[in-house]
Amino acid sequence: MPHDKSTEKAVNRPEKKFGPYPGGIGVAVWLNTIETDSGSRKVRSISVAPRRYRDGKTGEWKDAPSYRPGDLPALIFALQQAQAFVISEPIPGREHEEDEEIPY
């Protein structure tokens, strides 16, 4: 059967990823389009990956609800890298506009 691209769902991928670092820690920068009173607008958001661990009983990988003190250096580093990226990279289509906050 021929592959029909028109029926494929668009996969939303991060604009930039930092990590994964030990424990699966990582940060992703997302470029999203939102609707405002003045039309469509691109904005960024940041997501933080949970710490990962292997369950000793089942051997299954799971997400932890919190971080350990030893995770903080990797988490801080990833967040600093994400911050540097969003400061230095203009949002596509807004290269000459001031990056203002969009109220939600």
N, C-alpha and C. Protein backbone atom coordinates (compact mmCIF):
# COMPACT_ATOMS: atom_id res chain seq x y z
N MET A 1 0.84 -1.18 0.00
CA MET A 1 0.00 0.00 0.00
C MET A 1 0.89 1.24 0.00
N PRO A 2 0.62 2.22 -0.88
CA PRO A 2 1.45 3.43 -0.92
C PRO A 2 1.30 4.25 0.35
N HIS A 3 2.38 4.94 0.68
CA HIS A 3 2.43 5.77 1.88
C HIS A 3 1.76 7.10 1.58
N ASP A 4 0.72 7.45 2.34
CA ASP A 4 -0.03 8.69 2.13
C ASP A 4 0.33 9.69 3.21
N LYS A 5 1.15 10.69 2.84
CA LYS A 5 1.59 11.69 3.81
C LYS A 5 0.46 12.59 4.28
N SER A 6 -0.62 12.70 3.52
CA SER A 6 -1.70 13.59 3.91
C SER A 6 -2.44 13.09 5.14
N THR A 7 -2.33 11.80 5.47
CA THR A 7 -3.01 11.26 6.64
C THR A 7 -2.10 11.18 7.86
N GLU A 8 -0.83 11.52 7.69
CA GLU A 8 0.10 11.49 8.82
C GLU A 8 -0.19 12.63 9.78
N LYS A 9 -0.09 12.35 11.06
CA LYS A 9 -0.23 13.40 12.06
C LYS A 9 1.13 14.07 12.24
N ALA A 10 1.13 15.40 12.28
CA ALA A 10 2.38 16.13 12.48
C ALA A 10 2.92 15.83 13.88
N VAL A 11 4.21 15.53 13.93
CA VAL A 11 4.85 15.24 15.21
C VAL A 11 5.49 16.53 15.70
N ASN A 12 5.12 16.93 16.88
CA ASN A 12 5.69 18.13 17.47
C ASN A 12 7.00 17.76 18.15
N ARG A 13 8.09 18.29 17.66
CA ARG A 13 9.41 18.02 18.22
C ARG A 13 9.96 19.30 18.85
N PRO A 14 10.82 19.14 19.84
CA PRO A 14 11.42 20.34 20.45
C PRO A 14 12.26 21.11 19.44
N GLU A 15 12.32 22.40 19.62
CA GLU A 15 13.19 23.24 18.80
C GLU A 15 14.64 22.95 19.14
N LYS A 16 14.91 22.70 20.42
CA LYS A 16 16.27 22.43 20.89
C LYS A 16 16.19 21.58 22.15
N LYS A 17 17.11 20.61 22.28
CA LYS A 17 17.17 19.77 23.47
C LYS A 17 18.54 19.88 24.11
N PHE A 18 18.57 19.81 25.44
CA PHE A 18 19.80 19.80 26.21
C PHE A 18 19.76 18.58 27.11
N GLY A 19 20.62 17.62 26.85
CA GLY A 19 20.60 16.34 27.55
C GLY A 19 20.22 15.26 26.57
N PRO A 20 19.97 14.07 27.02
CA PRO A 20 19.84 13.71 28.42
C PRO A 20 21.20 13.58 29.10
N TYR A 21 21.18 13.96 30.36
CA TYR A 21 22.34 13.83 31.23
C TYR A 21 22.09 12.65 32.16
N PRO A 22 23.05 12.31 33.01
CA PRO A 22 22.84 11.15 33.91
C PRO A 22 21.48 11.21 34.61
N GLY A 23 20.83 10.08 34.67
CA GLY A 23 19.51 10.01 35.28
C GLY A 23 18.40 10.42 34.33
N GLY A 24 18.75 10.66 33.05
CA GLY A 24 17.74 11.05 32.07
C GLY A 24 17.34 12.50 32.14
N ILE A 25 18.04 13.28 32.95
CA ILE A 25 17.70 14.68 33.13
C ILE A 25 17.98 15.45 31.84
N GLY A 26 17.03 16.27 31.45
CA GLY A 26 17.19 17.07 30.25
C GLY A 26 16.17 18.19 30.22
N VAL A 27 16.40 19.13 29.33
CA VAL A 27 15.52 20.27 29.16
C VAL A 27 15.26 20.41 27.67
N ALA A 28 14.03 20.74 27.31
CA ALA A 28 13.68 20.96 25.91
C ALA A 28 13.05 22.34 25.76
N VAL A 29 13.38 22.99 24.65
CA VAL A 29 12.79 24.27 24.29
C VAL A 29 11.81 23.98 23.16
N TRP A 30 10.58 24.43 23.33
CA TRP A 30 9.51 24.19 22.36
C TRP A 30 9.11 25.50 21.71
N LEU A 31 8.83 25.45 20.42
CA LEU A 31 8.32 26.60 19.69
C LEU A 31 6.86 26.29 19.35
N ASN A 32 5.96 27.07 19.91
CA ASN A 32 4.53 26.83 19.74
C ASN A 32 3.87 28.02 19.06
N THR A 33 2.77 27.77 18.41
CA THR A 33 1.96 28.83 17.83
C THR A 33 0.69 28.95 18.66
N ILE A 34 0.42 30.17 19.10
CA ILE A 34 -0.80 30.42 19.88
C ILE A 34 -1.66 31.43 19.12
N GLU A 35 -2.93 31.44 19.45
CA GLU A 35 -3.85 32.41 18.87
C GLU A 35 -4.07 33.52 19.89
N THR A 36 -3.90 34.76 19.44
CA THR A 36 -4.13 35.92 20.28
C THR A 36 -5.19 36.79 19.61
N ASP A 37 -5.61 37.86 20.27
CA ASP A 37 -6.58 38.78 19.69
C ASP A 37 -6.06 39.40 18.40
N SER A 38 -4.74 39.49 18.26
CA SER A 38 -4.16 40.09 17.06
C SER A 38 -3.66 39.03 16.06
N GLY A 39 -4.06 37.78 16.24
CA GLY A 39 -3.69 36.72 15.29
C GLY A 39 -2.74 35.71 15.88
N SER A 40 -2.22 34.84 15.00
CA SER A 40 -1.28 33.79 15.42
C SER A 40 0.05 34.40 15.82
N ARG A 41 0.68 33.78 16.82
CA ARG A 41 1.97 34.27 17.30
C ARG A 41 2.79 33.08 17.79
N LYS A 42 4.08 33.09 17.53
CA LYS A 42 4.96 32.03 18.00
C LYS A 42 5.53 32.42 19.36
N VAL A 43 5.53 31.46 20.27
CA VAL A 43 6.08 31.65 21.61
C VAL A 43 6.87 30.40 21.98
N ARG A 44 7.77 30.55 22.92
CA ARG A 44 8.56 29.42 23.39
C ARG A 44 8.09 28.98 24.77
N SER A 45 8.29 27.70 25.02
CA SER A 45 8.09 27.16 26.36
C SER A 45 9.23 26.19 26.65
N ILE A 46 9.42 25.89 27.92
CA ILE A 46 10.52 25.03 28.36
C ILE A 46 9.92 23.86 29.13
N SER A 47 10.40 22.66 28.85
CA SER A 47 9.99 21.50 29.65
C SER A 47 11.24 20.84 30.25
N VAL A 48 11.07 20.29 31.44
CA VAL A 48 12.15 19.63 32.16
C VAL A 48 11.80 18.15 32.25
N ALA A 49 12.71 17.31 31.78
CA ALA A 49 12.48 15.86 31.82
C ALA A 49 12.63 15.36 33.25
N PRO A 50 11.79 14.42 33.64
CA PRO A 50 11.92 13.87 35.00
C PRO A 50 13.17 13.00 35.13
N ARG A 51 13.61 12.83 36.36
CA ARG A 51 14.71 11.90 36.64
C ARG A 51 14.18 10.49 36.36
N ARG A 52 15.00 9.65 35.74
CA ARG A 52 14.60 8.28 35.41
C ARG A 52 15.35 7.32 36.33
N TYR A 53 14.69 6.22 36.67
CA TYR A 53 15.34 5.19 37.47
C TYR A 53 14.76 3.83 37.09
N ARG A 54 15.52 2.81 37.35
CA ARG A 54 15.07 1.45 37.06
C ARG A 54 14.52 0.84 38.34
N ASP A 55 13.29 0.37 38.28
CA ASP A 55 12.64 -0.28 39.41
C ASP A 55 13.40 -1.56 39.73
N GLY A 56 13.87 -1.69 40.97
CA GLY A 56 14.66 -2.85 41.38
C GLY A 56 13.91 -4.17 41.31
N LYS A 57 12.61 -4.14 41.48
CA LYS A 57 11.81 -5.36 41.47
C LYS A 57 11.42 -5.81 40.06
N THR A 58 11.01 -4.86 39.22
CA THR A 58 10.52 -5.22 37.89
C THR A 58 11.55 -5.01 36.79
N GLY A 59 12.58 -4.21 37.06
CA GLY A 59 13.56 -3.88 36.03
C GLY A 59 13.04 -2.84 35.04
N GLU A 60 11.85 -2.33 35.28
CA GLU A 60 11.21 -1.36 34.40
C GLU A 60 11.72 0.05 34.69
N TRP A 61 11.91 0.85 33.62
CA TRP A 61 12.30 2.25 33.79
C TRP A 61 11.09 3.07 34.17
N LYS A 62 11.26 3.98 35.14
CA LYS A 62 10.17 4.82 35.62
C LYS A 62 10.64 6.27 35.77
N ASP A 63 9.65 7.17 35.82
CA ASP A 63 9.93 8.58 36.08
C ASP A 63 9.81 8.84 37.57
N ALA A 64 10.78 9.56 38.12
CA ALA A 64 10.74 9.94 39.53
C ALA A 64 9.96 11.25 39.66
N PRO A 65 9.24 11.43 40.76
CA PRO A 65 8.50 12.68 40.95
C PRO A 65 9.36 13.83 41.46
N SER A 66 10.63 13.55 41.75
CA SER A 66 11.50 14.59 42.31
C SER A 66 12.94 14.34 41.86
N TYR A 67 13.81 15.27 42.23
CA TYR A 67 15.24 15.17 41.92
C TYR A 67 16.02 14.98 43.20
N ARG A 68 17.19 14.40 43.07
CA ARG A 68 18.10 14.25 44.21
C ARG A 68 19.09 15.41 44.22
N PRO A 69 19.70 15.70 45.37
CA PRO A 69 20.68 16.79 45.39
C PRO A 69 21.79 16.61 44.34
N GLY A 70 22.21 15.38 44.07
CA GLY A 70 23.24 15.14 43.07
C GLY A 70 22.79 15.41 41.65
N ASP A 71 21.48 15.54 41.43
CA ASP A 71 20.94 15.85 40.10
C ASP A 71 21.00 17.33 39.79
N LEU A 72 21.15 18.16 40.82
CA LEU A 72 21.06 19.60 40.63
C LEU A 72 22.10 20.18 39.67
N PRO A 73 23.37 19.76 39.70
CA PRO A 73 24.32 20.34 38.73
C PRO A 73 23.89 20.11 37.28
N ALA A 74 23.42 18.92 36.93
CA ALA A 74 22.98 18.65 35.56
C ALA A 74 21.73 19.44 35.23
N LEU A 75 20.81 19.53 36.17
CA LEU A 75 19.58 20.28 35.95
C LEU A 75 19.87 21.77 35.76
N ILE A 76 20.71 22.32 36.62
CA ILE A 76 21.08 23.74 36.50
C ILE A 76 21.79 23.99 35.18
N PHE A 77 22.73 23.11 34.80
CA PHE A 77 23.45 23.27 33.55
C PHE A 77 22.48 23.26 32.37
N ALA A 78 21.56 22.31 32.34
CA ALA A 78 20.60 22.22 31.23
C ALA A 78 19.71 23.47 31.17
N LEU A 79 19.28 23.96 32.31
CA LEU A 79 18.45 25.16 32.34
C LEU A 79 19.23 26.39 31.88
N GLN A 80 20.50 26.47 32.25
CA GLN A 80 21.34 27.60 31.80
C GLN A 80 21.54 27.54 30.29
N GLN A 81 21.71 26.35 29.75
CA GLN A 81 21.87 26.21 28.31
C GLN A 81 20.58 26.62 27.59
N ALA A 82 19.44 26.22 28.12
CA ALA A 82 18.16 26.61 27.53
C ALA A 82 17.97 28.12 27.59
N GLN A 83 18.34 28.71 28.72
CA GLN A 83 18.22 30.16 28.86
C GLN A 83 19.10 30.88 27.84
N ALA A 84 20.33 30.43 27.67
CA ALA A 84 21.24 31.04 26.70
C ALA A 84 20.68 30.92 25.29
N PHE A 85 20.08 29.78 24.98
CA PHE A 85 19.50 29.57 23.64
C PHE A 85 18.36 30.55 23.39
N VAL A 86 17.41 30.66 24.33
CA VAL A 86 16.26 31.53 24.07
C VAL A 86 16.64 33.01 24.06
N ILE A 87 17.70 33.37 24.76
CA ILE A 87 18.17 34.75 24.73
C ILE A 87 18.87 35.06 23.41
N SER A 88 19.64 34.11 22.89
CA SER A 88 20.46 34.38 21.72
C SER A 88 19.77 34.08 20.39
N GLU A 89 18.74 33.27 20.39
CA GLU A 89 18.07 32.88 19.14
C GLU A 89 16.72 33.56 19.02
N PRO A 90 16.57 34.45 18.03
CA PRO A 90 15.26 35.09 17.87
C PRO A 90 14.20 34.05 17.46
N ILE A 91 12.98 34.32 17.81
CA ILE A 91 11.89 33.46 17.38
C ILE A 91 11.73 33.65 15.87
N PRO A 92 11.64 32.57 15.10
CA PRO A 92 11.50 32.71 13.65
C PRO A 92 10.33 33.63 13.29
N GLY A 93 10.61 34.55 12.38
CA GLY A 93 9.59 35.51 11.96
C GLY A 93 9.54 36.75 12.84
N ARG A 94 10.29 36.75 13.92
CA ARG A 94 10.29 37.90 14.84
C ARG A 94 11.71 38.41 15.05
N GLU A 95 12.56 38.20 14.06
CA GLU A 95 13.97 38.58 14.19
C GLU A 95 14.15 40.06 14.49
N HIS A 96 13.22 40.89 14.00
CA HIS A 96 13.38 42.33 14.17
C HIS A 96 12.38 42.92 15.16
N GLU A 97 11.62 42.07 15.81
CA GLU A 97 10.66 42.54 16.82
C GLU A 97 11.26 42.36 18.20
N GLU A 98 10.81 43.15 19.12
CA GLU A 98 11.20 42.96 20.51
C GLU A 98 10.43 41.77 21.05
N ASP A 99 11.08 40.92 21.80
CA ASP A 99 10.45 39.71 22.32
C ASP A 99 9.65 40.06 23.58
N GLU A 100 8.37 40.35 23.39
CA GLU A 100 7.54 40.74 24.53
C GLU A 100 6.83 39.52 25.10
N GLU A 101 6.46 39.62 26.35
CA GLU A 101 5.73 38.55 27.02
C GLU A 101 4.28 38.55 26.51
N ILE A 102 3.76 37.37 26.29
CA ILE A 102 2.36 37.21 25.87
C ILE A 102 1.56 36.81 27.11
N PRO A 103 0.54 37.59 27.47
CA PRO A 103 -0.27 37.19 28.63
C PRO A 103 -1.11 35.97 28.30
N TYR A 104 -1.22 35.06 29.25
CA TYR A 104 -2.02 33.86 29.04
C TYR A 104 -3.27 33.93 29.85
